[in-house]
Amino acid sequence: MVSRNLPFEYFVLRNPRFDGAIVGYLAGAPIRDAVIDASGHRYRFAGLARRDRNGRLDVESLRAGEWIVLPDLVYHTD
């Protein structure tokens, strides 16, 4: 279920530093195995974020410890 009450921006890692091996590509851009946030916390690639038919990110499908890296990548805490 897509939440209309929870802005997806609350679940986005801002300006992560990409790290690790390339594990795939999305729209021609590499997907890295890991990202590191401004505080030095490391996150591992978990998959692609779900969207509804209107294109909204489904933040309620995220599990505890999962964060979105735009455009549509999901990373979880290491």
N, C-alpha and C. Protein backbone atom coordinates (compact mmCIF):
# COMPACT_ATOMS: atom_id res chain seq x y z
N MET A 1 0.85 -1.19 0.00
CA MET A 1 0.00 0.00 0.00
C MET A 1 0.88 1.24 0.00
N VAL A 2 0.61 2.15 -0.87
CA VAL A 2 1.36 3.40 -0.94
C VAL A 2 0.75 4.39 0.04
N SER A 3 1.59 4.98 0.85
CA SER A 3 1.10 5.92 1.85
C SER A 3 1.00 7.32 1.27
N ARG A 4 -0.14 7.92 1.46
CA ARG A 4 -0.30 9.32 1.08
C ARG A 4 0.09 10.23 2.23
N ASN A 5 0.30 9.63 3.42
CA ASN A 5 0.61 10.41 4.62
C ASN A 5 2.10 10.49 4.91
N LEU A 6 2.89 9.59 4.34
CA LEU A 6 4.32 9.55 4.60
C LEU A 6 5.09 10.00 3.36
N PRO A 7 5.64 11.19 3.37
CA PRO A 7 6.43 11.62 2.21
C PRO A 7 7.64 10.72 2.03
N PHE A 8 7.90 10.31 0.80
CA PHE A 8 9.02 9.40 0.55
C PHE A 8 10.35 10.04 0.92
N GLU A 9 10.42 11.36 0.95
CA GLU A 9 11.67 12.05 1.28
C GLU A 9 12.18 11.68 2.67
N TYR A 10 11.28 11.25 3.56
CA TYR A 10 11.68 10.84 4.91
C TYR A 10 12.51 9.55 4.88
N PHE A 11 12.48 8.83 3.77
CA PHE A 11 13.11 7.51 3.68
C PHE A 11 14.26 7.49 2.67
N VAL A 12 14.76 8.66 2.29
CA VAL A 12 15.80 8.76 1.26
C VAL A 12 17.14 9.09 1.90
N LEU A 13 18.17 8.33 1.53
CA LEU A 13 19.54 8.66 1.93
C LEU A 13 20.02 9.78 1.01
N ARG A 14 20.42 10.89 1.58
CA ARG A 14 20.86 12.05 0.80
C ARG A 14 22.36 12.00 0.54
N ASN A 15 22.74 12.22 -0.69
CA ASN A 15 24.13 12.33 -1.11
C ASN A 15 25.02 11.18 -0.62
N PRO A 16 24.58 9.94 -0.84
CA PRO A 16 25.44 8.83 -0.41
C PRO A 16 26.67 8.73 -1.30
N ARG A 17 27.71 8.17 -0.75
CA ARG A 17 28.93 7.88 -1.51
C ARG A 17 28.84 6.42 -1.93
N PHE A 18 28.92 6.16 -3.23
CA PHE A 18 28.81 4.80 -3.73
C PHE A 18 30.12 4.06 -3.52
N ASP A 19 30.01 2.76 -3.20
CA ASP A 19 31.17 1.97 -2.87
C ASP A 19 30.93 0.53 -3.32
N GLY A 20 32.00 -0.21 -3.48
CA GLY A 20 31.88 -1.63 -3.80
C GLY A 20 31.73 -1.90 -5.28
N ALA A 21 31.52 -3.17 -5.57
CA ALA A 21 31.42 -3.65 -6.94
C ALA A 21 30.11 -3.23 -7.60
N ILE A 22 30.11 -3.20 -8.91
CA ILE A 22 28.88 -2.96 -9.67
C ILE A 22 28.11 -4.27 -9.71
N VAL A 23 26.85 -4.23 -9.24
CA VAL A 23 26.03 -5.44 -9.20
C VAL A 23 24.92 -5.43 -10.24
N GLY A 24 24.81 -4.35 -11.00
CA GLY A 24 23.80 -4.25 -12.04
C GLY A 24 23.74 -2.84 -12.59
N TYR A 25 22.75 -2.60 -13.43
CA TYR A 25 22.55 -1.29 -14.04
C TYR A 25 21.08 -0.94 -14.02
N LEU A 26 20.78 0.34 -13.84
CA LEU A 26 19.42 0.85 -13.91
C LEU A 26 19.44 2.07 -14.81
N ALA A 27 18.71 2.00 -15.91
CA ALA A 27 18.67 3.09 -16.89
C ALA A 27 20.08 3.49 -17.33
N GLY A 28 20.95 2.49 -17.48
CA GLY A 28 22.30 2.73 -17.95
C GLY A 28 23.29 3.16 -16.89
N ALA A 29 22.81 3.42 -15.67
CA ALA A 29 23.70 3.83 -14.57
C ALA A 29 24.05 2.62 -13.71
N PRO A 30 25.29 2.54 -13.24
CA PRO A 30 25.68 1.38 -12.43
C PRO A 30 25.01 1.38 -11.06
N ILE A 31 24.70 0.19 -10.58
CA ILE A 31 24.21 -0.02 -9.22
C ILE A 31 25.38 -0.58 -8.43
N ARG A 32 25.75 0.09 -7.37
CA ARG A 32 26.88 -0.37 -6.54
C ARG A 32 26.39 -1.25 -5.41
N ASP A 33 27.25 -2.16 -5.00
CA ASP A 33 26.96 -3.09 -3.92
C ASP A 33 26.68 -2.38 -2.60
N ALA A 34 27.28 -1.21 -2.39
CA ALA A 34 27.13 -0.52 -1.11
C ALA A 34 27.14 1.00 -1.31
N VAL A 35 26.58 1.69 -0.31
CA VAL A 35 26.68 3.15 -0.23
C VAL A 35 27.06 3.50 1.21
N ILE A 36 27.65 4.68 1.36
CA ILE A 36 28.05 5.18 2.68
C ILE A 36 27.45 6.56 2.84
N ASP A 37 26.76 6.79 3.97
CA ASP A 37 26.13 8.10 4.18
C ASP A 37 27.13 9.09 4.79
N ALA A 38 26.68 10.31 5.01
CA ALA A 38 27.55 11.38 5.52
C ALA A 38 28.10 11.08 6.91
N SER A 39 27.43 10.22 7.66
CA SER A 39 27.89 9.85 9.01
C SER A 39 28.82 8.65 9.00
N GLY A 40 29.06 8.09 7.81
CA GLY A 40 29.95 6.93 7.70
C GLY A 40 29.26 5.59 7.83
N HIS A 41 27.92 5.58 7.93
CA HIS A 41 27.19 4.32 8.01
C HIS A 41 27.14 3.67 6.62
N ARG A 42 27.29 2.36 6.60
CA ARG A 42 27.34 1.61 5.35
C ARG A 42 26.03 0.86 5.14
N TYR A 43 25.57 0.82 3.89
CA TYR A 43 24.33 0.16 3.52
C TYR A 43 24.59 -0.73 2.31
N ARG A 44 23.96 -1.89 2.26
CA ARG A 44 24.11 -2.84 1.15
C ARG A 44 22.88 -2.82 0.25
N PHE A 45 23.11 -3.04 -1.04
CA PHE A 45 22.02 -3.05 -2.01
C PHE A 45 21.04 -4.17 -1.69
N ALA A 46 19.74 -3.84 -1.66
CA ALA A 46 18.70 -4.82 -1.33
C ALA A 46 17.74 -5.06 -2.49
N GLY A 47 17.67 -4.14 -3.45
CA GLY A 47 16.75 -4.32 -4.57
C GLY A 47 16.21 -2.99 -5.07
N LEU A 48 15.15 -3.08 -5.84
CA LEU A 48 14.52 -1.89 -6.40
C LEU A 48 13.29 -1.50 -5.58
N ALA A 49 13.09 -0.21 -5.44
CA ALA A 49 11.92 0.30 -4.72
C ALA A 49 10.67 0.08 -5.56
N ARG A 50 9.58 -0.24 -4.89
CA ARG A 50 8.31 -0.42 -5.58
C ARG A 50 7.62 0.92 -5.76
N ARG A 51 6.88 1.03 -6.85
CA ARG A 51 6.07 2.22 -7.14
C ARG A 51 4.65 1.78 -7.47
N ASP A 52 3.70 2.69 -7.22
CA ASP A 52 2.32 2.38 -7.60
C ASP A 52 2.09 2.79 -9.06
N ARG A 53 0.89 2.61 -9.55
CA ARG A 53 0.60 2.90 -10.97
C ARG A 53 0.69 4.39 -11.29
N ASN A 54 0.68 5.23 -10.25
CA ASN A 54 0.84 6.67 -10.45
C ASN A 54 2.29 7.12 -10.32
N GLY A 55 3.18 6.17 -10.08
CA GLY A 55 4.60 6.48 -10.00
C GLY A 55 5.11 6.87 -8.63
N ARG A 56 4.26 6.79 -7.60
CA ARG A 56 4.69 7.13 -6.24
C ARG A 56 5.48 5.98 -5.62
N LEU A 57 6.53 6.32 -4.90
CA LEU A 57 7.31 5.30 -4.20
C LEU A 57 6.50 4.71 -3.06
N ASP A 58 6.55 3.39 -2.91
CA ASP A 58 5.80 2.68 -1.87
C ASP A 58 6.69 2.52 -0.64
N VAL A 59 6.72 3.54 0.21
CA VAL A 59 7.60 3.51 1.38
C VAL A 59 7.13 2.51 2.43
N GLU A 60 5.86 2.15 2.41
CA GLU A 60 5.36 1.19 3.39
C GLU A 60 5.84 -0.23 3.10
N SER A 61 6.39 -0.46 1.92
CA SER A 61 6.93 -1.79 1.61
C SER A 61 8.37 -1.95 2.11
N LEU A 62 8.98 -0.85 2.58
CA LEU A 62 10.34 -0.93 3.11
C LEU A 62 10.33 -1.67 4.44
N ARG A 63 11.36 -2.48 4.66
CA ARG A 63 11.52 -3.18 5.93
C ARG A 63 12.35 -2.30 6.87
N ALA A 64 12.37 -2.65 8.13
CA ALA A 64 13.19 -1.92 9.10
C ALA A 64 14.63 -1.91 8.62
N GLY A 65 15.26 -0.75 8.65
CA GLY A 65 16.66 -0.62 8.24
C GLY A 65 16.87 -0.41 6.76
N GLU A 66 15.78 -0.32 5.97
CA GLU A 66 15.91 -0.09 4.54
C GLU A 66 15.68 1.38 4.21
N TRP A 67 16.44 1.87 3.23
CA TRP A 67 16.38 3.26 2.81
C TRP A 67 16.41 3.33 1.30
N ILE A 68 15.85 4.39 0.74
CA ILE A 68 15.83 4.59 -0.70
C ILE A 68 17.01 5.46 -1.10
N VAL A 69 17.67 5.05 -2.17
CA VAL A 69 18.69 5.88 -2.83
C VAL A 69 18.12 6.17 -4.21
N LEU A 70 17.86 7.43 -4.47
CA LEU A 70 17.22 7.81 -5.73
C LEU A 70 18.09 7.46 -6.92
N PRO A 71 17.49 6.98 -8.04
CA PRO A 71 16.07 7.11 -8.29
C PRO A 71 15.21 6.02 -7.63
N ASP A 72 15.55 4.76 -7.71
CA ASP A 72 14.66 3.70 -7.23
C ASP A 72 15.38 2.54 -6.57
N LEU A 73 16.49 2.80 -5.93
CA LEU A 73 17.27 1.72 -5.32
C LEU A 73 16.96 1.63 -3.83
N VAL A 74 16.98 0.41 -3.30
CA VAL A 74 16.79 0.19 -1.86
C VAL A 74 18.08 -0.40 -1.30
N TYR A 75 18.54 0.19 -0.20
CA TYR A 75 19.73 -0.29 0.51
C TYR A 75 19.34 -0.54 1.96
N HIS A 76 19.97 -1.55 2.59
CA HIS A 76 19.69 -1.83 4.01
C HIS A 76 20.97 -1.66 4.82
N THR A 77 20.79 -1.39 6.11
CA THR A 77 21.94 -1.18 6.99
C THR A 77 22.78 -2.44 7.03
N ASP A 78 24.07 -2.24 7.09
CA ASP A 78 25.03 -3.34 7.10
C ASP A 78 25.06 -4.02 8.44
